[in-house]
Protein backbone atom coordinates (compact mmCIF):
# COMPACT_ATOMS: atom_id res chain seq x y z
CA MET A 1 82.95 77.07 -5.27
CA GLN A 2 82.09 80.51 -3.91
CA THR A 3 82.06 81.04 -0.19
CA ILE A 4 78.94 82.82 1.01
CA ALA A 5 78.39 83.87 4.59
CA ARG A 6 76.59 81.09 6.47
CA ARG A 7 73.72 83.39 7.35
CA ARG A 8 73.01 84.07 3.68
CA GLN A 9 73.02 80.39 2.63
CA PRO A 10 69.75 78.44 2.43
CA PRO A 11 69.03 76.34 5.53
CA ILE A 12 68.81 72.54 5.53
CA THR A 13 66.23 70.86 7.75
CA ILE A 14 66.84 67.31 8.95
CA ARG A 15 63.94 65.45 10.53
CA SER A 16 65.71 62.41 11.88
CA ALA A 17 66.44 61.55 15.49
CA ARG A 18 69.33 59.34 14.41
CA ALA A 19 70.91 62.09 12.27
CA THR A 20 70.48 64.58 15.11
CA ALA A 21 72.22 62.23 17.55
CA LEU A 22 75.07 61.61 15.10
CA LEU A 23 75.48 65.33 14.47
CA ALA A 24 75.62 65.97 18.22
CA ARG A 25 78.42 63.39 18.58
CA LEU A 26 80.36 64.68 15.57
CA THR A 27 80.11 68.33 16.61
CA ALA A 28 81.15 67.73 20.23
CA GLY A 29 84.72 68.75 19.38
CA GLY A 30 83.69 72.24 18.31
CA ARG A 31 83.04 71.66 14.61
CA SER A 32 79.93 73.21 13.13
CA GLN A 33 77.06 71.09 11.86
CA ALA A 34 77.53 72.60 8.41
CA GLU A 35 81.19 71.49 8.29
CA VAL A 36 80.28 67.94 9.29
CA ILE A 37 77.44 67.68 6.75
CA GLU A 38 79.50 69.21 3.92
CA GLU A 39 82.43 66.86 4.60
CA ALA A 40 80.11 63.83 4.62
CA LEU A 41 78.49 64.88 1.34
CA GLU A 42 81.89 65.47 -0.29
CA ARG A 43 83.02 61.97 0.76
CA LEU A 44 79.85 60.44 -0.69
CA ALA A 45 80.31 62.30 -3.96
CA ALA A 46 83.96 61.20 -4.22
CA ARG A 47 83.06 57.52 -3.73
CA ARG A 48 80.27 57.54 -6.29
CA GLN A 49 80.78 55.15 -9.19
CA THR A 50 79.12 54.85 -12.53
CA LEU A 51 76.70 51.97 -12.97
CA ALA A 52 79.04 50.30 -15.46
CA THR A 53 81.92 50.42 -12.97
CA ALA A 54 79.78 49.10 -10.14
CA LEU A 55 78.49 46.16 -12.22
CA ALA A 56 81.81 45.23 -13.84
CA PRO A 57 83.14 41.83 -12.73
CA ALA A 58 86.28 41.77 -10.59
CA GLN A 59 88.00 39.54 -13.15
CA PRO A 60 87.26 39.76 -16.88
CA LEU A 61 85.16 36.91 -18.20
CA ASP A 62 86.25 35.10 -21.35
CA PHE A 63 83.60 33.22 -23.29
CA ASP A 64 83.96 31.16 -26.47
CA TRP A 65 80.99 32.50 -28.35
CA GLU A 66 81.57 30.31 -31.42
CA PRO A 67 79.47 27.14 -31.04
CA PRO A 68 81.09 23.81 -31.89
CA ARG A 69 80.60 22.86 -35.52
CA SER A 70 78.27 20.03 -36.27
CA GLN A 71 79.84 16.89 -37.72
CA LEU A 72 76.64 15.88 -39.54
CA ALA A 73 77.23 18.07 -42.58
CA GLY A 74 80.73 16.80 -43.25
CA ALA A 75 79.98 13.08 -42.84
CA MET A 76 79.06 11.02 -45.87
CA PRO A 77 75.98 8.88 -45.31
CA ASP A 78 76.54 5.15 -45.48
CA LEU A 79 73.84 3.99 -47.93
CA ALA A 80 75.23 0.50 -48.47
CA ASP A 81 72.63 -1.95 -47.22
């Protein structure tokens, strides 16, 4: 990714009191808001899963899809009365 001077990059506006408070706490050590936001977005992108991966069961499921065979067809009718 190209590095462009911060002044030339498009600004991001956040309208959230909670986000502003979190940014204030995370930037108290001297980090810039841009660094904190970029790092958070990179972490979110790295954790992202495909829908198939997210919905896959933890253990594979094994089903017997063949129904039991009916015994009616193989039995001879008893017609002796």
